[in-house]
Amino acid sequence: MTTTLTTTFIAARSRAHGPTSALWHAVEVHRAPSEIDGACELTVCGTLARVVPDQPWPVSTRDVCPTCTVLA
């Protein structure tokens, strides 16, 4: 029996801090979408950001984390 692993990413929005603007980040999901509740999660770049369950990754905007874009 072969097991296929798939990696799923969803989008998360960080908060603006000081001179930095809010960015969209990628969060790797290891649980059912029904368990995603919009709480803060650790993103693939190591930032904490609030998950937006209905926003797929990659997002089609300009304010996207460059590190998450490469890692996801």
PDB file of N, CA and C in Angstrom:
ATOM      1  N   MET A   1       0.838  -1.177   0.000  1.00  0.00           N
ATOM      2  CA  MET A   1       0.000   0.000   0.000  1.00  0.00           C
ATOM      3  C   MET A   1       0.884   1.241   0.000  1.00  0.00           C
ATOM      4  N   THR A   2       0.612   2.160  -0.905  1.00  0.00           N
ATOM      5  CA  THR A   2       1.361   3.408  -0.968  1.00  0.00           C
ATOM      6  C   THR A   2       0.544   4.531  -0.364  1.00  0.00           C
ATOM      7  N   THR A   3       1.235   5.392   0.338  1.00  0.00           N
ATOM      8  CA  THR A   3       0.600   6.552   0.933  1.00  0.00           C
ATOM      9  C   THR A   3       1.103   7.788   0.222  1.00  0.00           C
ATOM     10  N   THR A   4       0.176   8.604  -0.229  1.00  0.00           N
ATOM     11  CA  THR A   4       0.546   9.847  -0.887  1.00  0.00           C
ATOM     12  C   THR A   4       0.331  10.994   0.083  1.00  0.00           C
ATOM     13  N   LEU A   5       1.375  11.758   0.292  1.00  0.00           N
ATOM     14  CA  LEU A   5       1.270  12.919   1.163  1.00  0.00           C
ATOM     15  C   LEU A   5       1.147  14.165   0.302  1.00  0.00           C
ATOM     16  N   THR A   6       0.185  14.983   0.607  1.00  0.00           N
ATOM     17  CA  THR A   6       0.043  16.245  -0.088  1.00  0.00           C
ATOM     18  C   THR A   6       0.188  17.374   0.914  1.00  0.00           C
ATOM     19  N   THR A   7       0.801  18.431   0.480  1.00  0.00           N
ATOM     20  CA  THR A   7       0.968  19.593   1.329  1.00  0.00           C
ATOM     21  C   THR A   7      -0.060  20.628   0.918  1.00  0.00           C
ATOM     22  N   THR A   8      -0.790  21.119   1.883  1.00  0.00           N
ATOM     23  CA  THR A   8      -1.802  22.127   1.634  1.00  0.00           C
ATOM     24  C   THR A   8      -1.407  23.405   2.338  1.00  0.00           C
ATOM     25  N   PHE A   9      -1.533  24.499   1.622  1.00  0.00           N
ATOM     26  CA  PHE A   9      -1.255  25.810   2.198  1.00  0.00           C
ATOM     27  C   PHE A   9      -2.518  26.651   2.153  1.00  0.00           C
ATOM     28  N   ILE A  10      -2.712  27.472   3.187  1.00  0.00           N
ATOM     29  CA  ILE A  10      -3.762  28.477   3.176  1.00  0.00           C
ATOM     30  C   ILE A  10      -3.118  29.818   3.492  1.00  0.00           C
ATOM     31  N   ALA A  11      -3.832  30.880   3.200  1.00  0.00           N
ATOM     32  CA  ALA A  11      -3.289  32.221   3.387  1.00  0.00           C
ATOM     33  C   ALA A  11      -3.584  32.736   4.795  1.00  0.00           C
ATOM     34  N   ALA A  12      -2.687  33.582   5.275  1.00  0.00           N
ATOM     35  CA  ALA A  12      -2.847  34.233   6.567  1.00  0.00           C
ATOM     36  C   ALA A  12      -2.383  35.676   6.424  1.00  0.00           C
ATOM     37  N   ARG A  13      -2.994  36.554   7.168  1.00  0.00           N
ATOM     38  CA  ARG A  13      -2.682  37.977   7.079  1.00  0.00           C
ATOM     39  C   ARG A  13      -1.991  38.413   8.356  1.00  0.00           C
ATOM     40  N   SER A  14      -0.806  39.007   8.212  1.00  0.00           N
ATOM     41  CA  SER A  14      -0.091  39.524   9.375  1.00  0.00           C
ATOM     42  C   SER A  14      -0.576  40.931   9.684  1.00  0.00           C
ATOM     43  N   ARG A  15      -0.237  41.403  10.851  1.00  0.00           N
ATOM     44  CA  ARG A  15      -0.567  42.773  11.238  1.00  0.00           C
ATOM     45  C   ARG A  15       0.603  43.676  10.912  1.00  0.00           C
ATOM     46  N   ALA A  16       0.305  44.917  10.647  1.00  0.00           N
ATOM     47  CA  ALA A  16       1.365  45.905  10.426  1.00  0.00           C
ATOM     48  C   ALA A  16       2.034  46.204  11.762  1.00  0.00           C
ATOM     49  N   HIS A  17       3.359  46.273  11.755  1.00  0.00           N
ATOM     50  CA  HIS A  17       4.120  46.587  12.962  1.00  0.00           C
ATOM     51  C   HIS A  17       5.119  47.683  12.640  1.00  0.00           C
ATOM     52  N   GLY A  18       4.960  48.841  13.276  1.00  0.00           N
ATOM     53  CA  GLY A  18       5.879  49.949  13.032  1.00  0.00           C
ATOM     54  C   GLY A  18       5.931  50.307  11.564  1.00  0.00           C
ATOM     55  N   PRO A  19       7.139  50.316  10.983  1.00  0.00           N
ATOM     56  CA  PRO A  19       7.262  50.708   9.571  1.00  0.00           C
ATOM     57  C   PRO A  19       6.907  49.600   8.584  1.00  0.00           C
ATOM     58  N   THR A  20       6.630  48.394   9.077  1.00  0.00           N
ATOM     59  CA  THR A  20       6.310  47.300   8.159  1.00  0.00           C
ATOM     60  C   THR A  20       4.811  47.243   7.905  1.00  0.00           C
ATOM     61  N   SER A  21       4.440  46.896   6.703  1.00  0.00           N
ATOM     62  CA  SER A  21       3.023  46.800   6.358  1.00  0.00           C
ATOM     63  C   SER A  21       2.532  45.378   6.582  1.00  0.00           C
ATOM     64  N   ALA A  22       1.223  45.223   6.609  1.00  0.00           N
ATOM     65  CA  ALA A  22       0.622  43.898   6.726  1.00  0.00           C
ATOM     66  C   ALA A  22       0.865  43.133   5.428  1.00  0.00           C
ATOM     67  N   LEU A  23       1.196  41.862   5.540  1.00  0.00           N
ATOM     68  CA  LEU A  23       1.468  41.030   4.369  1.00  0.00           C
ATOM     69  C   LEU A  23       0.640  39.755   4.425  1.00  0.00           C
ATOM     70  N   TRP A  24       0.443  39.155   3.262  1.00  0.00           N
ATOM     71  CA  TRP A  24      -0.141  37.818   3.179  1.00  0.00           C
ATOM     72  C   TRP A  24       0.981  36.800   3.316  1.00  0.00           C
ATOM     73  N   HIS A  25       0.750  35.771   4.097  1.00  0.00           N
ATOM     74  CA  HIS A  25       1.725  34.708   4.338  1.00  0.00           C
ATOM     75  C   HIS A  25       1.090  33.359   4.043  1.00  0.00           C
ATOM     76  N   ALA A  26       1.926  32.334   3.932  1.00  0.00           N
ATOM     77  CA  ALA A  26       1.454  30.966   3.724  1.00  0.00           C
ATOM     78  C   ALA A  26       1.562  30.183   5.028  1.00  0.00           C
ATOM     79  N   VAL A  27       0.530  29.390   5.303  1.00  0.00           N
ATOM     80  CA  VAL A  27       0.518  28.498   6.464  1.00  0.00           C
ATOM     81  C   VAL A  27       0.337  27.081   5.941  1.00  0.00           C
ATOM     82  N   GLU A  28       1.244  26.204   6.335  1.00  0.00           N
ATOM     83  CA  GLU A  28       1.130  24.788   5.953  1.00  0.00           C
ATOM     84  C   GLU A  28       0.107  24.131   6.872  1.00  0.00           C
ATOM     85  N   VAL A  29      -0.884  23.475   6.282  1.00  0.00           N
ATOM     86  CA  VAL A  29      -1.991  22.902   7.052  1.00  0.00           C
ATOM     87  C   VAL A  29      -1.821  21.393   7.148  1.00  0.00           C
ATOM     88  N   HIS A  30      -1.914  20.883   8.382  1.00  0.00           N
ATOM     89  CA  HIS A  30      -1.789  19.450   8.643  1.00  0.00           C
ATOM     90  C   HIS A  30      -3.054  18.876   9.280  1.00  0.00           C
ATOM     91  N   ARG A  31      -4.162  19.584   9.121  1.00  0.00           N
ATOM     92  CA  ARG A  31      -5.422  19.112   9.692  1.00  0.00           C
ATOM     93  C   ARG A  31      -6.573  19.458   8.756  1.00  0.00           C
ATOM     94  N   ALA A  32      -7.727  18.972   9.074  1.00  0.00           N
ATOM     95  CA  ALA A  32      -8.905  19.171   8.222  1.00  0.00           C
ATOM     96  C   ALA A  32      -9.279  20.652   8.162  1.00  0.00           C
ATOM     97  N   PRO A  33      -9.731  21.113   7.004  1.00  0.00           N
ATOM     98  CA  PRO A  33     -10.142  22.513   6.882  1.00  0.00           C
ATOM     99  C   PRO A  33     -11.218  22.924   7.896  1.00  0.00           C
ATOM    100  N   SER A  34     -12.044  21.995   8.315  1.00  0.00           N
ATOM    101  CA  SER A  34     -13.076  22.314   9.307  1.00  0.00           C
ATOM    102  C   SER A  34     -12.482  22.676  10.676  1.00  0.00           C
ATOM    103  N   GLU A  35     -11.223  22.316  10.898  1.00  0.00           N
ATOM    104  CA  GLU A  35     -10.559  22.621  12.162  1.00  0.00           C
ATOM    105  C   GLU A  35      -9.826  23.963  12.136  1.00  0.00           C
ATOM    106  N   ILE A  36      -9.808  24.628  11.000  1.00  0.00           N
ATOM    107  CA  ILE A  36      -9.152  25.929  10.878  1.00  0.00           C
ATOM    108  C   ILE A  36     -10.177  26.981  11.296  1.00  0.00           C
ATOM    109  N   ASP A  37      -9.851  27.750  12.321  1.00  0.00           N
ATOM    110  CA  ASP A  37     -10.847  28.659  12.882  1.00  0.00           C
ATOM    111  C   ASP A  37     -10.488  30.140  12.783  1.00  0.00           C
ATOM    112  N   GLY A  38      -9.483  30.493  12.046  1.00  0.00           N
ATOM    113  CA  GLY A  38      -9.127  31.895  11.915  1.00  0.00           C
ATOM    114  C   GLY A  38      -8.216  32.406  13.012  1.00  0.00           C
ATOM    115  N   ALA A  39      -7.636  31.519  13.784  1.00  0.00           N
ATOM    116  CA  ALA A  39      -6.701  31.923  14.836  1.00  0.00           C
ATOM    117  C   ALA A  39      -5.329  32.211  14.232  1.00  0.00           C
ATOM    118  N   CYS A  40      -4.436  32.719  15.028  1.00  0.00           N
ATOM    119  CA  CYS A  40      -3.070  32.953  14.568  1.00  0.00           C
ATOM    120  C   CYS A  40      -2.338  31.627  14.466  1.00  0.00           C
ATOM    121  N   GLU A  41      -1.560  31.502  13.416  1.00  0.00           N
ATOM    122  CA  GLU A  41      -0.771  30.291  13.164  1.00  0.00           C
ATOM    123  C   GLU A  41       0.646  30.717  12.782  1.00  0.00           C
ATOM    124  N   LEU A  42       1.581  29.797  12.929  1.00  0.00           N
ATOM    125  CA  LEU A  42       2.949  30.037  12.504  1.00  0.00           C
ATOM    126  C   LEU A  42       3.028  29.841  10.997  1.00  0.00           C
ATOM    127  N   THR A  43       3.535  30.829  10.290  1.00  0.00           N
ATOM    128  CA  THR A  43       3.632  30.771   8.833  1.00  0.00           C
ATOM    129  C   THR A  43       4.915  30.054   8.418  1.00  0.00           C
ATOM    130  N   VAL A  44       5.043  29.758   7.139  1.00  0.00           N
ATOM    131  CA  VAL A  44       6.233  29.040   6.673  1.00  0.00           C
ATOM    132  C   VAL A  44       7.502  29.873   6.823  1.00  0.00           C
ATOM    133  N   CYS A  45       7.385  31.196   6.921  1.00  0.00           N
ATOM    134  CA  CYS A  45       8.564  32.046   7.115  1.00  0.00           C
ATOM    135  C   CYS A  45       8.855  32.309   8.587  1.00  0.00           C
ATOM    136  N   GLY A  46       7.982  31.813   9.492  1.00  0.00           N
ATOM    137  CA  GLY A  46       8.221  31.957  10.922  1.00  0.00           C
ATOM    138  C   GLY A  46       7.482  33.111  11.582  1.00  0.00           C
ATOM    139  N   THR A  47       6.596  33.766  10.878  1.00  0.00           N
ATOM    140  CA  THR A  47       5.806  34.860  11.417  1.00  0.00           C
ATOM    141  C   THR A  47       4.489  34.309  11.968  1.00  0.00           C
ATOM    142  N   LEU A  48       3.932  34.977  12.956  1.00  0.00           N
ATOM    143  CA  LEU A  48       2.581  34.648  13.402  1.00  0.00           C
ATOM    144  C   LEU A  48       1.612  35.507  12.614  1.00  0.00           C
ATOM    145  N   ALA A  49       0.598  34.874  12.054  1.00  0.00           N
ATOM    146  CA  ALA A  49      -0.392  35.605  11.266  1.00  0.00           C
ATOM    147  C   ALA A  49      -1.746  34.944  11.417  1.00  0.00           C
ATOM    148  N   ARG A  50      -2.801  35.747  11.260  1.00  0.00           N
ATOM    149  CA  ARG A  50      -4.166  35.239  11.394  1.00  0.00           C
ATOM    150  C   ARG A  50      -4.608  34.556  10.111  1.00  0.00           C
ATOM    151  N   VAL A  51      -4.986  33.290  10.229  1.00  0.00           N
ATOM    152  CA  VAL A  51      -5.407  32.487   9.085  1.00  0.00           C
ATOM    153  C   VAL A  51      -6.754  32.991   8.581  1.00  0.00           C
ATOM    154  N   VAL A  52      -6.867  33.031   7.259  1.00  0.00           N
ATOM    155  CA  VAL A  52      -8.134  33.367   6.609  1.00  0.00           C
ATOM    156  C   VAL A  52      -8.568  32.088   5.894  1.00  0.00           C
ATOM    157  N   PRO A  53      -9.426  31.275   6.536  1.00  0.00           N
ATOM    158  CA  PRO A  53      -9.747  29.936   6.030  1.00  0.00           C
ATOM    159  C   PRO A  53     -10.269  29.887   4.600  1.00  0.00           C
ATOM    160  N   ASP A  54     -10.978  30.905   4.163  1.00  0.00           N
ATOM    161  CA  ASP A  54     -11.528  30.867   2.809  1.00  0.00           C
ATOM    162  C   ASP A  54     -10.622  31.509   1.767  1.00  0.00           C
ATOM    163  N   GLN A  55      -9.394  31.883   2.151  1.00  0.00           N
ATOM    164  CA  GLN A  55      -8.444  32.502   1.222  1.00  0.00           C
ATOM    165  C   GLN A  55      -7.391  31.471   0.809  1.00  0.00           C
ATOM    166  N   PRO A  56      -7.415  31.036  -0.439  1.00  0.00           N
ATOM    167  CA  PRO A  56      -6.428  30.048  -0.883  1.00  0.00           C
ATOM    168  C   PRO A  56      -5.033  30.664  -1.028  1.00  0.00           C
ATOM    169  N   TRP A  57      -4.055  29.812  -1.008  1.00  0.00           N
ATOM    170  CA  TRP A  57      -2.671  30.211  -1.271  1.00  0.00           C
ATOM    171  C   TRP A  57      -2.273  29.626  -2.606  1.00  0.00           C
ATOM    172  N   PRO A  58      -1.632  30.363  -3.485  1.00  0.00           N
ATOM    173  CA  PRO A  58      -1.130  31.731  -3.340  1.00  0.00           C
ATOM    174  C   PRO A  58      -2.228  32.758  -3.571  1.00  0.00           C
ATOM    175  N   VAL A  59      -2.081  33.893  -2.919  1.00  0.00           N
ATOM    176  CA  VAL A  59      -3.031  34.989  -3.103  1.00  0.00           C
ATOM    177  C   VAL A  59      -2.612  35.800  -4.319  1.00  0.00           C
ATOM    178  N   SER A  60      -3.556  36.466  -4.921  1.00  0.00           N
ATOM    179  CA  SER A  60      -3.248  37.216  -6.149  1.00  0.00           C
ATOM    180  C   SER A  60      -3.197  38.716  -5.883  1.00  0.00           C
ATOM    181  N   THR A  61      -2.409  39.094  -4.898  1.00  0.00           N
ATOM    182  CA  THR A  61      -2.205  40.506  -4.594  1.00  0.00           C
ATOM    183  C   THR A  61      -0.718  40.808  -4.593  1.00  0.00           C
ATOM    184  N   ARG A  62      -0.386  42.060  -4.446  1.00  0.00           N
ATOM    185  CA  ARG A  62       1.028  42.457  -4.469  1.00  0.00           C
ATOM    186  C   ARG A  62       1.681  42.433  -3.093  1.00  0.00           C
ATOM    187  N   ASP A  63       0.884  42.458  -2.030  1.00  0.00           N
ATOM    188  CA  ASP A  63       1.443  42.538  -0.680  1.00  0.00           C
ATOM    189  C   ASP A  63       1.612  41.148  -0.059  1.00  0.00           C
ATOM    190  N   VAL A  64       2.476  40.353  -0.699  1.00  0.00           N
ATOM    191  CA  VAL A  64       2.720  38.968  -0.293  1.00  0.00           C
ATOM    192  C   VAL A  64       4.147  38.852   0.231  1.00  0.00           C
ATOM    193  N   CYS A  65       4.310  38.079   1.286  1.00  0.00           N
ATOM    194  CA  CYS A  65       5.636  37.839   1.871  1.00  0.00           C
ATOM    195  C   CYS A  65       6.536  37.142   0.841  1.00  0.00           C
ATOM    196  N   PRO A  66       7.667  37.724   0.495  1.00  0.00           N
ATOM    197  CA  PRO A  66       8.544  37.101  -0.496  1.00  0.00           C
ATOM    198  C   PRO A  66       9.120  35.760  -0.028  1.00  0.00           C
ATOM    199  N   THR A  67       9.372  35.634   1.254  1.00  0.00           N
ATOM    200  CA  THR A  67       9.918  34.377   1.783  1.00  0.00           C
ATOM    201  C   THR A  67       8.876  33.262   1.679  1.00  0.00           C
ATOM    202  N   CYS A  68       7.631  33.548   2.044  1.00  0.00           N
ATOM    203  CA  CYS A  68       6.571  32.547   1.925  1.00  0.00           C
ATOM    204  C   CYS A  68       6.360  32.149   0.472  1.00  0.00           C
ATOM    205  N   THR A  69       6.488  33.091  -0.421  1.00  0.00           N
ATOM    206  CA  THR A  69       6.320  32.787  -1.854  1.00  0.00           C
ATOM    207  C   THR A  69       7.347  31.764  -2.305  1.00  0.00           C
ATOM    208  N   VAL A  70       8.568  31.896  -1.847  1.00  0.00           N
ATOM    209  CA  VAL A  70       9.635  30.963  -2.234  1.00  0.00           C
ATOM    210  C   VAL A  70       9.462  29.621  -1.523  1.00  0.00           C
ATOM    211  N   LEU A  71       9.147  29.628  -0.241  1.00  0.00           N
ATOM    212  CA  LEU A  71       9.075  28.396   0.551  1.00  0.00           C
ATOM    213  C   LEU A  71       7.818  27.577   0.293  1.00  0.00           C
ATOM    214  N   ALA A  72       6.742  28.245  -0.089  1.00  0.00           N
ATOM    215  CA  ALA A  72       5.498  27.499  -0.325  1.00  0.00           C
ATOM    216  C   ALA A  72       5.400  27.209  -1.804  1.00  0.00           C
TER     217      ALA A  72
END
